[in-house]
Amino acid sequence: PLSALSIPGTHNSPTHHKALPSVRCQAVSPREQLENGVRFFDIRVQ
């Protein structure tokens, strides 16, 4: 079960773009996060 695993995730995962300092939470793109083991995305939509 997924609850058995230790899983790296990111907060506001797609916020790697040029943005207000308090808005940007990530250094790299979602694709690069996935390729380096991240398996939880936190997404906010309007």
All heavy atoms as atom14 arrays in JSON, in Angstrom:
{
  "sequence": "PLSALSIPGTHNSPTHHKALPSVRCQAVSPREQLENGVRFFDIRVQ",
  "atom14_mask": [
    [1, 1, 1, 1, 1, 1, 1, 0, 0, 0, 0, 0, 0, 0],
    [1, 1, 1, 1, 1, 1, 1, 1, 0, 0, 0, 0, 0, 0],
    [1, 1, 1, 1, 1, 1, 0, 0, 0, 0, 0, 0, 0, 0],
    [1, 1, 1, 1, 1, 0, 0, 0, 0, 0, 0, 0, 0, 0],
    [1, 1, 1, 1, 1, 1, 1, 1, 0, 0, 0, 0, 0, 0],
    [1, 1, 1, 1, 1, 1, 0, 0, 0, 0, 0, 0, 0, 0],
    [1, 1, 1, 1, 1, 1, 1, 1, 0, 0, 0, 0, 0, 0],
    [1, 1, 1, 1, 1, 1, 1, 0, 0, 0, 0, 0, 0, 0],
    [1, 1, 1, 1, 0, 0, 0, 0, 0, 0, 0, 0, 0, 0],
    [1, 1, 1, 1, 1, 1, 1, 0, 0, 0, 0, 0, 0, 0],
    [1, 1, 1, 1, 1, 1, 1, 1, 1, 1, 0, 0, 0, 0],
    [1, 1, 1, 1, 1, 1, 1, 1, 0, 0, 0, 0, 0, 0],
    [1, 1, 1, 1, 1, 1, 0, 0, 0, 0, 0, 0, 0, 0],
    [1, 1, 1, 1, 1, 1, 1, 0, 0, 0, 0, 0, 0, 0],
    [1, 1, 1, 1, 1, 1, 1, 0, 0, 0, 0, 0, 0, 0],
    [1, 1, 1, 1, 1, 1, 1, 1, 1, 1, 0, 0, 0, 0],
    [1, 1, 1, 1, 1, 1, 1, 1, 1, 1, 0, 0, 0, 0],
    [1, 1, 1, 1, 1, 1, 1, 1, 1, 0, 0, 0, 0, 0],
    [1, 1, 1, 1, 1, 0, 0, 0, 0, 0, 0, 0, 0, 0],
    [1, 1, 1, 1, 1, 1, 1, 1, 0, 0, 0, 0, 0, 0],
    [1, 1, 1, 1, 1, 1, 1, 0, 0, 0, 0, 0, 0, 0],
    [1, 1, 1, 1, 1, 1, 0, 0, 0, 0, 0, 0, 0, 0],
    [1, 1, 1, 1, 1, 1, 1, 0, 0, 0, 0, 0, 0, 0],
    [1, 1, 1, 1, 1, 1, 1, 1, 1, 1, 1, 0, 0, 0],
    [1, 1, 1, 1, 1, 1, 0, 0, 0, 0, 0, 0, 0, 0],
    [1, 1, 1, 1, 1, 1, 1, 1, 1, 0, 0, 0, 0, 0],
    [1, 1, 1, 1, 1, 0, 0, 0, 0, 0, 0, 0, 0, 0],
    [1, 1, 1, 1, 1, 1, 1, 0, 0, 0, 0, 0, 0, 0],
    [1, 1, 1, 1, 1, 1, 0, 0, 0, 0, 0, 0, 0, 0],
    [1, 1, 1, 1, 1, 1, 1, 0, 0, 0, 0, 0, 0, 0],
    [1, 1, 1, 1, 1, 1, 1, 1, 1, 1, 1, 0, 0, 0],
    [1, 1, 1, 1, 1, 1, 1, 1, 1, 0, 0, 0, 0, 0],
    [1, 1, 1, 1, 1, 1, 1, 1, 1, 0, 0, 0, 0, 0],
    [1, 1, 1, 1, 1, 1, 1, 1, 0, 0, 0, 0, 0, 0],
    [1, 1, 1, 1, 1, 1, 1, 1, 1, 0, 0, 0, 0, 0],
    [1, 1, 1, 1, 1, 1, 1, 1, 0, 0, 0, 0, 0, 0],
    [1, 1, 1, 1, 0, 0, 0, 0, 0, 0, 0, 0, 0, 0],
    [1, 1, 1, 1, 1, 1, 1, 0, 0, 0, 0, 0, 0, 0],
    [1, 1, 1, 1, 1, 1, 1, 1, 1, 1, 1, 0, 0, 0],
    [1, 1, 1, 1, 1, 1, 1, 1, 1, 1, 1, 0, 0, 0],
    [1, 1, 1, 1, 1, 1, 1, 1, 1, 1, 1, 0, 0, 0],
    [1, 1, 1, 1, 1, 1, 1, 1, 0, 0, 0, 0, 0, 0],
    [1, 1, 1, 1, 1, 1, 1, 1, 0, 0, 0, 0, 0, 0],
    [1, 1, 1, 1, 1, 1, 1, 1, 1, 1, 1, 0, 0, 0],
    [1, 1, 1, 1, 1, 1, 1, 0, 0, 0, 0, 0, 0, 0],
    [1, 1, 1, 1, 1, 1, 1, 1, 1, 0, 0, 0, 0, 0]
  ],
  "atom14_positions": [
    [[0.84, -1.21, 0.0], [0.0, 0.0, 0.0], [0.87, 1.25, 0.0], [1.99, 1.26, 0.53], [-0.8, -0.12, 1.3], [0.04, -0.98, 2.19], [0.8, -1.92, 1.29], [0.0, 0.0, 0.0], [0.0, 0.0, 0.0], [0.0, 0.0, 0.0], [0.0, 0.0, 0.0], [0.0, 0.0, 0.0], [0.0, 0.0, 0.0], [0.0, 0.0, 0.0]],
    [[0.38, 2.31, -0.6], [1.17, 3.54, -0.65], [1.49, 4.06, 0.75], [2.5, 4.74, 0.95], [0.42, 4.62, -1.45], [0.21, 4.33, -2.94], [-0.31, 5.57, -3.65], [1.47, 3.83, -3.61], [0.0, 0.0, 0.0], [0.0, 0.0, 0.0], [0.0, 0.0, 0.0], [0.0, 0.0, 0.0], [0.0, 0.0, 0.0], [0.0, 0.0, 0.0]],
    [[0.64, 3.75, 1.71], [0.89, 4.2, 3.09], [2.07, 3.48, 3.73], [2.51, 3.85, 4.82], [-0.36, 4.01, 3.94], [-0.84, 2.68, 3.85], [0.0, 0.0, 0.0], [0.0, 0.0, 0.0], [0.0, 0.0, 0.0], [0.0, 0.0, 0.0], [0.0, 0.0, 0.0], [0.0, 0.0, 0.0], [0.0, 0.0, 0.0], [0.0, 0.0, 0.0]],
    [[2.61, 2.43, 3.06], [3.76, 1.72, 3.6], [5.08, 2.39, 3.23], [6.13, 2.02, 3.76], [3.77, 0.27, 3.08], [0.0, 0.0, 0.0], [0.0, 0.0, 0.0], [0.0, 0.0, 0.0], [0.0, 0.0, 0.0], [0.0, 0.0, 0.0], [0.0, 0.0, 0.0], [0.0, 0.0, 0.0], [0.0, 0.0, 0.0], [0.0, 0.0, 0.0]],
    [[5.03, 3.37, 2.34], [6.25, 3.9, 1.74], [6.62, 5.27, 2.3], [5.77, 6.06, 2.7], [6.07, 4.03, 0.23], [5.8, 2.73, -0.53], [5.55, 3.03, -2.0], [6.94, 1.75, -0.36], [0.0, 0.0, 0.0], [0.0, 0.0, 0.0], [0.0, 0.0, 0.0], [0.0, 0.0, 0.0], [0.0, 0.0, 0.0], [0.0, 0.0, 0.0]],
    [[7.92, 5.53, 2.3], [8.44, 6.88, 2.53], [8.53, 7.55, 1.16], [9.28, 7.09, 0.29], [9.82, 6.81, 3.19], [9.74, 6.21, 4.46], [0.0, 0.0, 0.0], [0.0, 0.0, 0.0], [0.0, 0.0, 0.0], [0.0, 0.0, 0.0], [0.0, 0.0, 0.0], [0.0, 0.0, 0.0], [0.0, 0.0, 0.0], [0.0, 0.0, 0.0]],
    [[7.8, 8.64, 0.99], [7.6, 9.22, -0.34], [8.02, 10.69, -0.33], [7.46, 11.49, 0.43], [6.13, 9.1, -0.77], [5.73, 7.62, -0.88], [5.89, 9.83, -2.09], [4.26, 7.41, -1.21], [0.0, 0.0, 0.0], [0.0, 0.0, 0.0], [0.0, 0.0, 0.0], [0.0, 0.0, 0.0], [0.0, 0.0, 0.0], [0.0, 0.0, 0.0]],
    [[8.98, 11.08, -1.16], [9.32, 12.5, -1.28], [8.23, 13.24, -2.04], [7.71, 12.75, -3.05], [10.63, 12.5, -2.09], [11.06, 11.06, -2.18], [9.85, 10.23, -2.0], [0.0, 0.0, 0.0], [0.0, 0.0, 0.0], [0.0, 0.0, 0.0], [0.0, 0.0, 0.0], [0.0, 0.0, 0.0], [0.0, 0.0, 0.0], [0.0, 0.0, 0.0]],
    [[7.88, 14.42, -1.56], [6.88, 15.24, -2.22], [7.32, 16.69, -2.27], [8.3, 17.09, -1.64], [0.0, 0.0, 0.0], [0.0, 0.0, 0.0], [0.0, 0.0, 0.0], [0.0, 0.0, 0.0], [0.0, 0.0, 0.0], [0.0, 0.0, 0.0], [0.0, 0.0, 0.0], [0.0, 0.0, 0.0], [0.0, 0.0, 0.0], [0.0, 0.0, 0.0]],
    [[6.58, 17.48, -3.03], [6.87, 18.91, -3.1], [5.6, 19.72, -2.86], [4.5, 19.31, -3.2], [7.49, 19.31, -4.46], [6.7, 18.78, -5.52], [8.91, 18.81, -4.57], [0.0, 0.0, 0.0], [0.0, 0.0, 0.0], [0.0, 0.0, 0.0], [0.0, 0.0, 0.0], [0.0, 0.0, 0.0], [0.0, 0.0, 0.0], [0.0, 0.0, 0.0]],
    [[5.79, 20.86, -2.25], [4.71, 21.79, -1.88], [4.57, 22.83, -2.99], [5.57, 23.38, -3.47], [5.1, 22.45, -0.55], [4.36, 23.7, -0.23], [4.98, 24.93, -0.22], [3.06, 23.93, 0.11], [4.11, 25.86, 0.12], [2.94, 25.29, 0.32], [0.0, 0.0, 0.0], [0.0, 0.0, 0.0], [0.0, 0.0, 0.0], [0.0, 0.0, 0.0]],
    [[3.32, 23.07, -3.43], [3.13, 23.96, -4.58], [4.11, 23.6, -5.69], [4.95, 24.4, -6.13], [3.27, 25.43, -4.16], [1.99, 25.97, -3.55], [1.01, 26.2, -4.24], [2.01, 26.14, -2.25], [0.0, 0.0, 0.0], [0.0, 0.0, 0.0], [0.0, 0.0, 0.0], [0.0, 0.0, 0.0], [0.0, 0.0, 0.0], [0.0, 0.0, 0.0]],
    [[3.99, 22.36, -6.14], [5.01, 21.72, -6.98], [5.38, 22.47, -8.26], [6.55, 22.47, -8.65], [4.53, 20.31, -7.33], [4.23, 19.58, -6.16], [0.0, 0.0, 0.0], [0.0, 0.0, 0.0], [0.0, 0.0, 0.0], [0.0, 0.0, 0.0], [0.0, 0.0, 0.0], [0.0, 0.0, 0.0], [0.0, 0.0, 0.0], [0.0, 0.0, 0.0]],
    [[4.43, 23.11, -8.98], [4.82, 23.75, -10.24], [5.32, 25.19, -10.1], [5.49, 25.88, -11.11], [3.52, 23.72, -11.05], [2.43, 23.81, -10.03], [2.96, 23.12, -8.8], [0.0, 0.0, 0.0], [0.0, 0.0, 0.0], [0.0, 0.0, 0.0], [0.0, 0.0, 0.0], [0.0, 0.0, 0.0], [0.0, 0.0, 0.0], [0.0, 0.0, 0.0]],
    [[5.62, 25.64, -8.87], [5.96, 27.06, -8.67], [7.46, 27.3, -8.79], [8.09, 27.9, -7.91], [5.47, 27.54, -7.29], [6.06, 26.72, -6.27], [3.96, 27.45, -7.18], [0.0, 0.0, 0.0], [0.0, 0.0, 0.0], [0.0, 0.0, 0.0], [0.0, 0.0, 0.0], [0.0, 0.0, 0.0], [0.0, 0.0, 0.0], [0.0, 0.0, 0.0]],
    [[8.05, 26.86, -9.92], [9.47, 27.08, -10.16], [9.71, 28.26, -11.09], [10.86, 28.6, -11.39], [10.09, 25.83, -10.79], [9.58, 25.54, -12.17], [8.28, 25.13, -12.41], [10.18, 25.61, -13.4], [8.11, 24.96, -13.71], [9.24, 25.25, -14.33], [0.0, 0.0, 0.0], [0.0, 0.0, 0.0], [0.0, 0.0, 0.0], [0.0, 0.0, 0.0]],
    [[8.65, 28.9, -11.54], [8.76, 30.01, -12.49], [9.17, 31.3, -11.79], [9.13, 31.41, -10.55], [7.42, 30.22, -13.2], [6.91, 29.01, -13.91], [7.36, 28.62, -15.15], [5.98, 28.07, -13.55], [6.74, 27.53, -15.53], [5.89, 27.17, -14.58], [0.0, 0.0, 0.0], [0.0, 0.0, 0.0], [0.0, 0.0, 0.0], [0.0, 0.0, 0.0]],
    [[9.53, 32.3, -12.59], [9.78, 33.63, -12.05], [8.49, 34.16, -11.46], [7.47, 34.26, -12.14], [10.29, 34.56, -13.15], [10.66, 35.95, -12.66], [11.2, 36.8, -13.8], [11.59, 38.2, -13.3], [12.13, 39.05, -14.39], [0.0, 0.0, 0.0], [0.0, 0.0, 0.0], [0.0, 0.0, 0.0], [0.0, 0.0, 0.0], [0.0, 0.0, 0.0]],
    [[8.53, 34.49, -10.17], [7.3, 34.87, -9.47], [7.66, 35.71, -8.26], [8.83, 35.92, -7.94], [6.51, 33.63, -9.06], [0.0, 0.0, 0.0], [0.0, 0.0, 0.0], [0.0, 0.0, 0.0], [0.0, 0.0, 0.0], [0.0, 0.0, 0.0], [0.0, 0.0, 0.0], [0.0, 0.0, 0.0], [0.0, 0.0, 0.0], [0.0, 0.0, 0.0]],
    [[6.62, 36.17, -7.56], [6.85, 36.85, -6.29], [7.62, 35.93, -5.36], [7.38, 34.71, -5.34], [5.52, 37.25, -5.66], [4.67, 38.26, -6.43], [3.31, 38.43, -5.76], [5.38, 39.59, -6.54], [0.0, 0.0, 0.0], [0.0, 0.0, 0.0], [0.0, 0.0, 0.0], [0.0, 0.0, 0.0], [0.0, 0.0, 0.0], [0.0, 0.0, 0.0]],
    [[8.55, 36.48, -4.54], [9.39, 35.61, -3.71], [8.61, 34.69, -2.79], [9.02, 33.56, -2.55], [10.23, 36.62, -2.91], [10.23, 37.87, -3.72], [8.91, 37.9, -4.41], [0.0, 0.0, 0.0], [0.0, 0.0, 0.0], [0.0, 0.0, 0.0], [0.0, 0.0, 0.0], [0.0, 0.0, 0.0], [0.0, 0.0, 0.0], [0.0, 0.0, 0.0]],
    [[7.5, 35.14, -2.27], [6.73, 34.3, -1.35], [5.84, 33.3, -2.09], [5.27, 32.4, -1.47], [5.85, 35.16, -0.45], [4.94, 35.92, -1.23], [0.0, 0.0, 0.0], [0.0, 0.0, 0.0], [0.0, 0.0, 0.0], [0.0, 0.0, 0.0], [0.0, 0.0, 0.0], [0.0, 0.0, 0.0], [0.0, 0.0, 0.0], [0.0, 0.0, 0.0]],
    [[5.72, 33.46, -3.42], [4.9, 32.55, -4.22], [5.73, 31.38, -4.72], [5.27, 30.24, -4.75], [4.27, 33.31, -5.41], [3.6, 32.34, -6.39], [3.27, 34.33, -4.91], [0.0, 0.0, 0.0], [0.0, 0.0, 0.0], [0.0, 0.0, 0.0], [0.0, 0.0, 0.0], [0.0, 0.0, 0.0], [0.0, 0.0, 0.0], [0.0, 0.0, 0.0]],
    [[6.96, 31.63, -5.1], [7.81, 30.58, -5.64], [8.28, 29.67, -4.51], [8.87, 30.13, -3.52], [9.01, 31.16, -6.36], [9.87, 30.09, -7.01], [11.03, 30.67, -7.8], [11.82, 29.58, -8.37], [12.93, 29.76, -9.07], [13.38, 30.99, -9.29], [13.58, 28.72, -9.55], [0.0, 0.0, 0.0], [0.0, 0.0, 0.0], [0.0, 0.0, 0.0]],
    [[8.05, 28.36, -4.67], [8.41, 27.39, -3.64], [9.38, 26.33, -4.13], [9.87, 25.54, -3.32], [7.14, 26.68, -3.12], [5.96, 27.77, -2.33], [0.0, 0.0, 0.0], [0.0, 0.0, 0.0], [0.0, 0.0, 0.0], [0.0, 0.0, 0.0], [0.0, 0.0, 0.0], [0.0, 0.0, 0.0], [0.0, 0.0, 0.0], [0.0, 0.0, 0.0]],
    [[9.63, 26.27, -5.44], [10.46, 25.2, -5.99], [11.59, 25.75, -6.86], [11.44, 26.79, -7.49], [9.6, 24.21, -6.79], [8.53, 23.53, -5.98], [9.08, 22.79, -4.77], [10.18, 22.24, -4.81], [8.32, 22.8, -3.67], [0.0, 0.0, 0.0], [0.0, 0.0, 0.0], [0.0, 0.0, 0.0], [0.0, 0.0, 0.0], [0.0, 0.0, 0.0]],
    [[12.68, 24.99, -6.88], [13.85, 25.4, -7.66], [13.82, 24.86, -9.08], [14.41, 25.47, -9.98], [15.13, 24.91, -6.96], [0.0, 0.0, 0.0], [0.0, 0.0, 0.0], [0.0, 0.0, 0.0], [0.0, 0.0, 0.0], [0.0, 0.0, 0.0], [0.0, 0.0, 0.0], [0.0, 0.0, 0.0], [0.0, 0.0, 0.0], [0.0, 0.0, 0.0]],
    [[13.15, 23.71, -9.29], [13.21, 23.06, -10.59], [11.8, 22.66, -11.02], [10.86, 22.65, -10.23], [14.13, 21.83, -10.57], [15.55, 22.22, -10.17], [13.6, 20.76, -9.63], [0.0, 0.0, 0.0], [0.0, 0.0, 0.0], [0.0, 0.0, 0.0], [0.0, 0.0, 0.0], [0.0, 0.0, 0.0], [0.0, 0.0, 0.0], [0.0, 0.0, 0.0]],
    [[11.67, 22.27, -12.28], [10.38, 21.97, -12.88], [9.79, 20.67, -12.34], [10.51, 19.8, -11.83], [10.54, 21.84, -14.39], [11.28, 20.66, -14.71], [0.0, 0.0, 0.0], [0.0, 0.0, 0.0], [0.0, 0.0, 0.0], [0.0, 0.0, 0.0], [0.0, 0.0, 0.0], [0.0, 0.0, 0.0], [0.0, 0.0, 0.0], [0.0, 0.0, 0.0]],
    [[8.48, 20.47, -12.5], [7.86, 19.2, -12.11], [8.49, 18.0, -12.81], [8.65, 16.94, -12.19], [6.4, 19.4, -12.52], [6.16, 20.87, -12.39], [7.45, 21.47, -12.86], [0.0, 0.0, 0.0], [0.0, 0.0, 0.0], [0.0, 0.0, 0.0], [0.0, 0.0, 0.0], [0.0, 0.0, 0.0], [0.0, 0.0, 0.0], [0.0, 0.0, 0.0]],
    [[8.84, 18.11, -14.07], [9.46, 16.99, -14.77], [10.78, 16.59, -14.11], [11.06, 15.41, -13.89], [9.7, 17.35, -16.24], [10.4, 16.24, -17.03], [9.46, 15.07, -17.3], [10.17, 13.89, -17.8], [9.61, 12.96, -18.56], [8.35, 13.09, -18.95], [10.29, 11.91, -18.96], [0.0, 0.0, 0.0], [0.0, 0.0, 0.0], [0.0, 0.0, 0.0]],
    [[11.6, 17.58, -13.77], [12.87, 17.27, -13.11], [12.63, 16.7, -11.72], [13.37, 15.81, -11.26], [13.74, 18.53, -13.03], [15.17, 18.24, -12.58], [16.1, 19.42, -12.71], [15.71, 20.41, -13.38], [17.21, 19.37, -12.15], [0.0, 0.0, 0.0], [0.0, 0.0, 0.0], [0.0, 0.0, 0.0], [0.0, 0.0, 0.0], [0.0, 0.0, 0.0]],
    [[11.6, 17.17, -11.03], [11.25, 16.59, -9.74], [10.91, 15.1, -9.89], [11.38, 14.25, -9.12], [10.08, 17.33, -9.12], [10.37, 18.78, -8.74], [9.12, 19.53, -8.33], [8.21, 18.96, -7.72], [9.04, 20.81, -8.67], [0.0, 0.0, 0.0], [0.0, 0.0, 0.0], [0.0, 0.0, 0.0], [0.0, 0.0, 0.0], [0.0, 0.0, 0.0]],
    [[10.09, 14.79, -10.87], [9.7, 13.39, -11.1], [10.91, 12.53, -11.42], [11.05, 11.42, -10.9], [8.7, 13.32, -12.25], [7.3, 13.89, -11.98], [6.54, 14.06, -13.29], [6.53, 12.98, -11.04], [0.0, 0.0, 0.0], [0.0, 0.0, 0.0], [0.0, 0.0, 0.0], [0.0, 0.0, 0.0], [0.0, 0.0, 0.0], [0.0, 0.0, 0.0]],
    [[11.79, 13.02, -12.26], [12.97, 12.24, -12.66], [13.92, 12.01, -11.5], [14.74, 11.09, -11.55], [13.68, 12.95, -13.81], [12.89, 12.9, -15.11], [13.51, 13.73, -16.21], [14.4, 14.56, -15.89], [13.1, 13.57, -17.38], [0.0, 0.0, 0.0], [0.0, 0.0, 0.0], [0.0, 0.0, 0.0], [0.0, 0.0, 0.0], [0.0, 0.0, 0.0]],
    [[13.8, 12.81, -10.45], [14.68, 12.67, -9.29], [13.94, 12.15, -8.07], [14.39, 12.36, -6.94], [15.35, 14.01, -8.99], [16.45, 14.32, -9.98], [17.57, 13.84, -9.85], [16.13, 15.12, -10.99], [0.0, 0.0, 0.0], [0.0, 0.0, 0.0], [0.0, 0.0, 0.0], [0.0, 0.0, 0.0], [0.0, 0.0, 0.0], [0.0, 0.0, 0.0]],
    [[12.84, 11.43, -8.28], [12.25, 10.65, -7.21], [11.03, 11.2, -6.52], [10.43, 10.52, -5.69], [0.0, 0.0, 0.0], [0.0, 0.0, 0.0], [0.0, 0.0, 0.0], [0.0, 0.0, 0.0], [0.0, 0.0, 0.0], [0.0, 0.0, 0.0], [0.0, 0.0, 0.0], [0.0, 0.0, 0.0], [0.0, 0.0, 0.0], [0.0, 0.0, 0.0]],
    [[10.62, 12.44, -6.8], [9.44, 13.02, -6.15], [8.2, 12.28, -6.64], [8.0, 12.11, -7.85], [9.35, 14.52, -6.45], [8.03, 15.1, -5.94], [10.52, 15.26, -5.82], [0.0, 0.0, 0.0], [0.0, 0.0, 0.0], [0.0, 0.0, 0.0], [0.0, 0.0, 0.0], [0.0, 0.0, 0.0], [0.0, 0.0, 0.0], [0.0, 0.0, 0.0]],
    [[7.33, 11.86, -5.69], [6.15, 11.09, -6.05], [4.87, 11.62, -5.39], [3.87, 10.93, -5.3], [6.34, 9.61, -5.66], [7.46, 8.91, -6.42], [7.14, 8.77, -7.9], [8.23, 8.14, -8.64], [9.19, 8.8, -9.26], [9.19, 10.15, -9.23], [10.13, 8.17, -9.92], [0.0, 0.0, 0.0], [0.0, 0.0, 0.0], [0.0, 0.0, 0.0]],
    [[4.91, 12.86, -4.93], [3.72, 13.54, -4.41], [3.78, 14.98, -4.87], [4.78, 15.67, -4.65], [3.67, 13.48, -2.88], [2.53, 14.25, -2.26], [1.32, 13.64, -1.97], [2.67, 15.61, -1.96], [0.26, 14.35, -1.41], [1.63, 16.33, -1.39], [0.43, 15.69, -1.11], [0.0, 0.0, 0.0], [0.0, 0.0, 0.0], [0.0, 0.0, 0.0]],
    [[2.71, 15.43, -5.52], [2.61, 16.82, -5.95], [1.46, 17.49, -5.2], [0.37, 16.94, -5.07], [2.31, 16.92, -7.44], [3.52, 16.83, -8.34], [4.79, 16.63, -7.83], [3.37, 16.95, -9.72], [5.9, 16.56, -8.67], [4.46, 16.87, -10.56], [5.73, 16.67, -10.04], [0.0, 0.0, 0.0], [0.0, 0.0, 0.0], [0.0, 0.0, 0.0]],
    [[1.73, 18.7, -4.71], [0.73, 19.56, -4.07], [0.38, 20.65, -5.07], [1.23, 21.49, -5.42], [1.34, 20.14, -2.79], [0.5, 21.26, -2.2], [-0.73, 21.12, -2.18], [1.09, 22.27, -1.76], [0.0, 0.0, 0.0], [0.0, 0.0, 0.0], [0.0, 0.0, 0.0], [0.0, 0.0, 0.0], [0.0, 0.0, 0.0], [0.0, 0.0, 0.0]],
    [[-0.88, 20.63, -5.57], [-1.29, 21.51, -6.65], [-2.46, 22.38, -6.21], [-3.4, 21.91, -5.58], [-1.72, 20.68, -7.89], [-0.63, 19.68, -8.27], [-2.07, 21.59, -9.06], [0.69, 20.31, -8.66], [0.0, 0.0, 0.0], [0.0, 0.0, 0.0], [0.0, 0.0, 0.0], [0.0, 0.0, 0.0], [0.0, 0.0, 0.0], [0.0, 0.0, 0.0]],
    [[-2.38, 23.68, -6.55], [-3.46, 24.62, -6.25], [-3.97, 25.18, -7.58], [-3.16, 25.64, -8.41], [-2.96, 25.76, -5.37], [-2.01, 25.33, -4.23], [-2.64, 24.41, -3.21], [-1.69, 23.92, -2.24], [-1.41, 24.52, -1.08], [-2.02, 25.65, -0.76], [-0.55, 23.97, -0.24], [0.0, 0.0, 0.0], [0.0, 0.0, 0.0], [0.0, 0.0, 0.0]],
    [[-5.29, 25.16, -7.79], [-5.85, 25.58, -9.07], [-7.0, 26.55, -8.87], [-7.66, 26.56, -7.82], [-6.36, 24.37, -9.9], [-5.21, 23.44, -10.27], [-7.46, 23.62, -9.17], [0.0, 0.0, 0.0], [0.0, 0.0, 0.0], [0.0, 0.0, 0.0], [0.0, 0.0, 0.0], [0.0, 0.0, 0.0], [0.0, 0.0, 0.0], [0.0, 0.0, 0.0]],
    [[-7.24, 27.36, -9.9], [-8.39, 28.26, -9.92], [-9.27, 27.88, -11.11], [-8.87, 28.06, -12.27], [-7.95, 29.71, -10.06], [-9.12, 30.69, -10.15], [-8.65, 32.13, -10.22], [-7.84, 32.57, -9.42], [-9.15, 32.88, -11.2], [0.0, 0.0, 0.0], [0.0, 0.0, 0.0], [0.0, 0.0, 0.0], [0.0, 0.0, 0.0], [0.0, 0.0, 0.0]]
  ]
}
